[in-house]
PDB file of N, CA and C in Angstrom:
ATOM      1  N   MET A   1       0.841  -1.182   0.000  1.00  0.00           N
ATOM      2  CA  MET A   1       0.000   0.000   0.000  1.00  0.00           C
ATOM      3  C   MET A   1       0.888   1.248   0.000  1.00  0.00           C
ATOM      4  N   LYS A   2       0.622   2.141  -0.911  1.00  0.00           N
ATOM      5  CA  LYS A   2       1.425   3.353  -1.027  1.00  0.00           C
ATOM      6  C   LYS A   2       0.761   4.486  -0.237  1.00  0.00           C
ATOM      7  N   MET A   3       1.561   5.119   0.624  1.00  0.00           N
ATOM      8  CA  MET A   3       1.026   6.226   1.409  1.00  0.00           C
ATOM      9  C   MET A   3       1.216   7.531   0.636  1.00  0.00           C
ATOM     10  N   PRO A   4       0.228   8.437   0.725  1.00  0.00           N
ATOM     11  CA  PRO A   4       0.396   9.734   0.054  1.00  0.00           C
ATOM     12  C   PRO A   4       1.458  10.582   0.754  1.00  0.00           C
ATOM     13  N   PHE A   5       1.939  11.599   0.022  1.00  0.00           N
ATOM     14  CA  PHE A   5       3.003  12.444   0.561  1.00  0.00           C
ATOM     15  C   PHE A   5       2.573  13.145   1.836  1.00  0.00           C
ATOM     16  N   SER A   6       1.305  13.552   1.921  1.00  0.00           N
ATOM     17  CA  SER A   6       0.851  14.273   3.109  1.00  0.00           C
ATOM     18  C   SER A   6       0.977  13.412   4.360  1.00  0.00           C
ATOM     19  N   THR A   7       0.822  12.111   4.227  1.00  0.00           N
ATOM     20  CA  THR A   7       0.988  11.212   5.368  1.00  0.00           C
ATOM     21  C   THR A   7       2.454  11.169   5.796  1.00  0.00           C
ATOM     22  N   TRP A   8       3.363  11.051   4.822  1.00  0.00           N
ATOM     23  CA  TRP A   8       4.790  11.071   5.139  1.00  0.00           C
ATOM     24  C   TRP A   8       5.186  12.402   5.772  1.00  0.00           C
ATOM     25  N   TYR A   9       4.645  13.485   5.228  1.00  0.00           N
ATOM     26  CA  TYR A   9       4.928  14.827   5.750  1.00  0.00           C
ATOM     27  C   TYR A   9       4.548  14.912   7.223  1.00  0.00           C
ATOM     28  N   THR A  10       3.351  14.431   7.543  1.00  0.00           N
ATOM     29  CA  THR A  10       2.864  14.471   8.925  1.00  0.00           C
ATOM     30  C   THR A  10       3.703  13.579   9.826  1.00  0.00           C
ATOM     31  N   ILE A  11       4.013  12.378   9.380  1.00  0.00           N
ATOM     32  CA  ILE A  11       4.788  11.433  10.196  1.00  0.00           C
ATOM     33  C   ILE A  11       6.175  11.994  10.498  1.00  0.00           C
ATOM     34  N   ILE A  12       6.838  12.536   9.498  1.00  0.00           N
ATOM     35  CA  ILE A  12       8.194  13.060   9.693  1.00  0.00           C
ATOM     36  C   ILE A  12       8.188  14.275  10.610  1.00  0.00           C
ATOM     37  N   THR A  13       7.212  15.169  10.434  1.00  0.00           N
ATOM     38  CA  THR A  13       7.137  16.359  11.280  1.00  0.00           C
ATOM     39  C   THR A  13       6.828  15.997  12.720  1.00  0.00           C
ATOM     40  N   VAL A  14       5.909  15.072  12.937  1.00  0.00           N
ATOM     41  CA  VAL A  14       5.573  14.640  14.300  1.00  0.00           C
ATOM     42  C   VAL A  14       6.772  13.936  14.943  1.00  0.00           C
ATOM     43  N   ALA A  15       7.469  13.099  14.187  1.00  0.00           N
ATOM     44  CA  ALA A  15       8.649  12.414  14.724  1.00  0.00           C
ATOM     45  C   ALA A  15       9.727  13.419  15.121  1.00  0.00           C
ATOM     46  N   ALA A  16       9.918  14.453  14.308  1.00  0.00           N
ATOM     47  CA  ALA A  16      10.898  15.488  14.655  1.00  0.00           C
ATOM     48  C   ALA A  16      10.469  16.241  15.904  1.00  0.00           C
ATOM     49  N   GLY A  17       9.183  16.500  16.038  1.00  0.00           N
ATOM     50  CA  GLY A  17       8.671  17.160  17.236  1.00  0.00           C
ATOM     51  C   GLY A  17       8.862  16.317  18.478  1.00  0.00           C
ATOM     52  N   LEU A  18       8.620  15.025  18.347  1.00  0.00           N
ATOM     53  CA  LEU A  18       8.824  14.119  19.489  1.00  0.00           C
ATOM     54  C   LEU A  18      10.303  14.021  19.863  1.00  0.00           C
ATOM     55  N   ALA A  19      11.175  14.012  18.856  1.00  0.00           N
ATOM     56  CA  ALA A  19      12.615  13.989  19.129  1.00  0.00           C
ATOM     57  C   ALA A  19      13.038  15.261  19.854  1.00  0.00           C
ATOM     58  N   PHE A  20      12.493  16.399  19.434  1.00  0.00           N
ATOM     59  CA  PHE A  20      12.799  17.665  20.099  1.00  0.00           C
ATOM     60  C   PHE A  20      12.287  17.646  21.543  1.00  0.00           C
ATOM     61  N   ALA A  21      11.079  17.132  21.740  1.00  0.00           N
ATOM     62  CA  ALA A  21      10.530  17.048  23.102  1.00  0.00           C
ATOM     63  C   ALA A  21      11.396  16.153  23.983  1.00  0.00           C
ATOM     64  N   ALA A  22      11.850  15.039  23.440  1.00  0.00           N
ATOM     65  CA  ALA A  22      12.700  14.130  24.207  1.00  0.00           C
ATOM     66  C   ALA A  22      14.025  14.801  24.561  1.00  0.00           C
ATOM     67  N   MET A  23      14.590  15.534  23.617  1.00  0.00           N
ATOM     68  CA  MET A  23      15.851  16.232  23.898  1.00  0.00           C
ATOM     69  C   MET A  23      15.646  17.345  24.923  1.00  0.00           C
ATOM     70  N   ALA A  24      14.508  18.017  24.860  1.00  0.00           N
ATOM     71  CA  ALA A  24      14.224  19.075  25.831  1.00  0.00           C
ATOM     72  C   ALA A  24      14.054  18.485  27.232  1.00  0.00           C
ATOM     73  N   LEU A  25      13.378  17.347  27.321  1.00  0.00           N
ATOM     74  CA  LEU A  25      13.223  16.686  28.627  1.00  0.00           C
ATOM     75  C   LEU A  25      14.568  16.203  29.155  1.00  0.00           C
ATOM     76  N   ALA A  26      15.400  15.672  28.264  1.00  0.00           N
ATOM     77  CA  ALA A  26      16.734  15.230  28.681  1.00  0.00           C
ATOM     78  C   ALA A  26      17.565  16.423  29.146  1.00  0.00           C
ATOM     79  N   ALA A  27      17.422  17.546  28.463  1.00  0.00           N
ATOM     80  CA  ALA A  27      18.153  18.751  28.864  1.00  0.00           C
ATOM     81  C   ALA A  27      17.684  19.229  30.229  1.00  0.00           C
ATOM     82  N   TYR A  28      16.388  19.158  30.459  1.00  0.00           N
ATOM     83  CA  TYR A  28      15.838  19.568  31.754  1.00  0.00           C
ATOM     84  C   TYR A  28      16.334  18.648  32.866  1.00  0.00           C
ATOM     85  N   ALA A  29      16.359  17.352  32.569  1.00  0.00           N
ATOM     86  CA  ALA A  29      16.748  16.368  33.592  1.00  0.00           C
ATOM     87  C   ALA A  29      18.245  16.434  33.907  1.00  0.00           C
ATOM     88  N   THR A  30      19.062  16.672  32.890  1.00  0.00           N
ATOM     89  CA  THR A  30      20.511  16.646  33.090  1.00  0.00           C
ATOM     90  C   THR A  30      21.123  18.019  33.329  1.00  0.00           C
ATOM     91  N   GLY A  31      20.386  19.067  33.005  1.00  0.00           N
ATOM     92  CA  GLY A  31      20.922  20.412  33.151  1.00  0.00           C
ATOM     93  C   GLY A  31      21.805  20.831  31.988  1.00  0.00           C
ATOM     94  N   ASN A  32      21.874  20.018  30.949  1.00  0.00           N
ATOM     95  CA  ASN A  32      22.688  20.311  29.766  1.00  0.00           C
ATOM     96  C   ASN A  32      21.825  21.094  28.766  1.00  0.00           C
ATOM     97  N   ASN A  33      21.846  22.417  28.880  1.00  0.00           N
ATOM     98  CA  ASN A  33      20.961  23.249  28.071  1.00  0.00           C
ATOM     99  C   ASN A  33      21.297  23.251  26.587  1.00  0.00           C
ATOM    100  N   SER A  34      22.467  22.821  26.223  1.00  0.00           N
ATOM    101  CA  SER A  34      22.813  22.797  24.799  1.00  0.00           C
ATOM    102  C   SER A  34      21.930  21.808  24.037  1.00  0.00           C
ATOM    103  N   LEU A  35      21.403  20.794  24.716  1.00  0.00           N
ATOM    104  CA  LEU A  35      20.514  19.834  24.052  1.00  0.00           C
ATOM    105  C   LEU A  35      19.252  20.514  23.535  1.00  0.00           C
ATOM    106  N   ILE A  36      18.785  21.534  24.243  1.00  0.00           N
ATOM    107  CA  ILE A  36      17.585  22.250  23.788  1.00  0.00           C
ATOM    108  C   ILE A  36      17.863  22.923  22.446  1.00  0.00           C
ATOM    109  N   PHE A  37      19.017  23.562  22.323  1.00  0.00           N
ATOM    110  CA  PHE A  37      19.342  24.263  21.088  1.00  0.00           C
ATOM    111  C   PHE A  37      19.619  23.287  19.945  1.00  0.00           C
ATOM    112  N   ILE A  38      20.234  22.170  20.250  1.00  0.00           N
ATOM    113  CA  ILE A  38      20.457  21.142  19.226  1.00  0.00           C
ATOM    114  C   ILE A  38      19.118  20.592  18.747  1.00  0.00           C
ATOM    115  N   GLY A  39      18.227  20.286  19.676  1.00  0.00           N
ATOM    116  CA  GLY A  39      16.902  19.781  19.324  1.00  0.00           C
ATOM    117  C   GLY A  39      16.096  20.794  18.546  1.00  0.00           C
ATOM    118  N   MET A  40      16.185  22.062  18.942  1.00  0.00           N
ATOM    119  CA  MET A  40      15.462  23.115  18.245  1.00  0.00           C
ATOM    120  C   MET A  40      15.979  23.262  16.814  1.00  0.00           C
ATOM    121  N   GLY A  41      17.294  23.218  16.641  1.00  0.00           N
ATOM    122  CA  GLY A  41      17.869  23.301  15.306  1.00  0.00           C
ATOM    123  C   GLY A  41      17.454  22.132  14.431  1.00  0.00           C
ATOM    124  N   PHE A  42      17.455  20.936  15.005  1.00  0.00           N
ATOM    125  CA  PHE A  42      17.033  19.728  14.288  1.00  0.00           C
ATOM    126  C   PHE A  42      15.577  19.855  13.860  1.00  0.00           C
ATOM    127  N   PHE A  43      14.713  20.259  14.775  1.00  0.00           N
ATOM    128  CA  PHE A  43      13.295  20.382  14.472  1.00  0.00           C
ATOM    129  C   PHE A  43      13.044  21.442  13.399  1.00  0.00           C
ATOM    130  N   MET A  44      13.711  22.576  13.522  1.00  0.00           N
ATOM    131  CA  MET A  44      13.539  23.633  12.527  1.00  0.00           C
ATOM    132  C   MET A  44      14.038  23.191  11.152  1.00  0.00           C
ATOM    133  N   ALA A  45      15.162  22.489  11.113  1.00  0.00           N
ATOM    134  CA  ALA A  45      15.703  22.017   9.834  1.00  0.00           C
ATOM    135  C   ALA A  45      14.742  21.036   9.164  1.00  0.00           C
ATOM    136  N   ILE A  46      14.187  20.125   9.940  1.00  0.00           N
ATOM    137  CA  ILE A  46      13.235  19.152   9.388  1.00  0.00           C
ATOM    138  C   ILE A  46      11.983  19.863   8.876  1.00  0.00           C
ATOM    139  N   CYS A  47      11.443  20.773   9.679  1.00  0.00           N
ATOM    140  CA  CYS A  47      10.226  21.486   9.273  1.00  0.00           C
ATOM    141  C   CYS A  47      10.461  22.325   8.020  1.00  0.00           C
ATOM    142  N   MET A  48      11.577  23.019   7.958  1.00  0.00           N
ATOM    143  CA  MET A  48      11.857  23.853   6.786  1.00  0.00           C
ATOM    144  C   MET A  48      12.080  23.000   5.537  1.00  0.00           C
ATOM    145  N   THR A  49      12.768  21.887   5.687  1.00  0.00           N
ATOM    146  CA  THR A  49      13.000  20.993   4.551  1.00  0.00           C
ATOM    147  C   THR A  49      11.692  20.407   4.040  1.00  0.00           C
ATOM    148  N   MET A  50      10.860  19.931   4.959  1.00  0.00           N
ATOM    149  CA  MET A  50       9.586  19.334   4.539  1.00  0.00           C
ATOM    150  C   MET A  50       8.662  20.375   3.916  1.00  0.00           C
ATOM    151  N   THR A  51       8.664  21.586   4.443  1.00  0.00           N
ATOM    152  CA  THR A  51       7.835  22.647   3.872  1.00  0.00           C
ATOM    153  C   THR A  51       8.318  23.000   2.469  1.00  0.00           C
ATOM    154  N   SER A  52       9.631  23.046   2.274  1.00  0.00           N
ATOM    155  CA  SER A  52      10.187  23.330   0.959  1.00  0.00           C
ATOM    156  C   SER A  52       9.812  22.245  -0.048  1.00  0.00           C
ATOM    157  N   ILE A  53       9.925  20.998   0.352  1.00  0.00           N
ATOM    158  CA  ILE A  53       9.558  19.886  -0.536  1.00  0.00           C
ATOM    159  C   ILE A  53       8.072  19.958  -0.882  1.00  0.00           C
ATOM    160  N   HIS A  54       7.244  20.249   0.109  1.00  0.00           N
ATOM    161  CA  HIS A  54       5.802  20.352  -0.118  1.00  0.00           C
ATOM    162  C   HIS A  54       5.485  21.485  -1.091  1.00  0.00           C
ATOM    163  N   ALA A  55       6.134  22.636  -0.917  1.00  0.00           N
ATOM    164  CA  ALA A  55       5.902  23.774  -1.812  1.00  0.00           C
ATOM    165  C   ALA A  55       6.351  23.449  -3.239  1.00  0.00           C
ATOM    166  N   GLN A  56       7.467  22.751  -3.381  1.00  0.00           N
ATOM    167  CA  GLN A  56       7.939  22.367  -4.715  1.00  0.00           C
ATOM    168  C   GLN A  56       6.947  21.436  -5.395  1.00  0.00           C
ATOM    169  N   ARG A  57       6.390  20.506  -4.625  1.00  0.00           N
ATOM    170  CA  ARG A  57       5.402  19.582  -5.192  1.00  0.00           C
ATOM    171  C   ARG A  57       4.133  20.322  -5.607  1.00  0.00           C
ATOM    172  N   GLN A  58       3.701  21.310  -4.808  1.00  0.00           N
ATOM    173  CA  GLN A  58       2.524  22.094  -5.163  1.00  0.00           C
ATOM    174  C   GLN A  58       2.771  22.904  -6.428  1.00  0.00           C
ATOM    175  N   GLN A  59       3.958  23.497  -6.535  1.00  0.00           N
ATOM    176  CA  GLN A  59       4.286  24.305  -7.707  1.00  0.00           C
ATOM    177  C   GLN A  59       4.335  23.424  -8.960  1.00  0.00           C
ATOM    178  N   LYS A  60       4.901  22.234  -8.826  1.00  0.00           N
ATOM    179  CA  LYS A  60       4.979  21.311  -9.960  1.00  0.00           C
ATOM    180  C   LYS A  60       3.573  20.905 -10.413  1.00  0.00           C
ATOM    181  N   ALA A  61       2.690  20.631  -9.446  1.00  0.00           N
ATOM    182  CA  ALA A  61       1.324  20.250  -9.782  1.00  0.00           C
ATOM    183  C   ALA A  61       0.565  21.418 -10.421  1.00  0.00           C
ATOM    184  N   ARG A  62       0.812  22.632  -9.939  1.00  0.00           N
ATOM    185  CA  ARG A  62       0.151  23.812 -10.491  1.00  0.00           C
ATOM    186  C   ARG A  62       0.592  24.041 -11.942  1.00  0.00           C
ATOM    187  N   LYS A  63       1.882  23.856 -12.205  1.00  0.00           N
ATOM    188  CA  LYS A  63       2.396  24.020 -13.582  1.00  0.00           C
ATOM    189  C   LYS A  63       1.796  22.960 -14.511  1.00  0.00           C
ATOM    190  N   ALA A  64       1.703  21.729 -14.006  1.00  0.00           N
ATOM    191  CA  ALA A  64       1.159  20.639 -14.827  1.00  0.00           C
ATOM    192  C   ALA A  64      -0.327  20.867 -15.109  1.00  0.00           C
ATOM    193  N   ALA A  65      -1.052  21.438 -14.167  1.00  0.00           N
ATOM    194  CA  ALA A  65      -2.489  21.679 -14.352  1.00  0.00           C
ATOM    195  C   ALA A  65      -2.752  22.816 -15.323  1.00  0.00           C
ATOM    196  N   SER A  66      -1.831  23.762 -15.412  1.00  0.00           N
ATOM    197  CA  SER A  66      -2.034  24.915 -16.298  1.00  0.00           C
ATOM    198  C   SER A  66      -1.713  24.605 -17.748  1.00  0.00           C
ATOM    199  N   LYS A  67      -1.042  23.501 -18.017  1.00  0.00           N
ATOM    200  CA  LYS A  67      -0.674  23.151 -19.414  1.00  0.00           C
ATOM    201  C   LYS A  67      -1.848  22.549 -20.153  1.00  0.00           C
TER     202      LYS A  67
END
């Protein structure tokens, strides 16, 4: 069964959010605040990459529909 891109988009974004939450909890528990910034950077990079891919797919579909 093939999953649509929107499902992959949601799964990857939620997984990145959970990873960030886990790193934030670990930072809180250990007192190592650098983990928060590493997790935040990871989450932002994933979100920006997925948003860019999604926008490219929308633009490609829009161009194909206009032809």
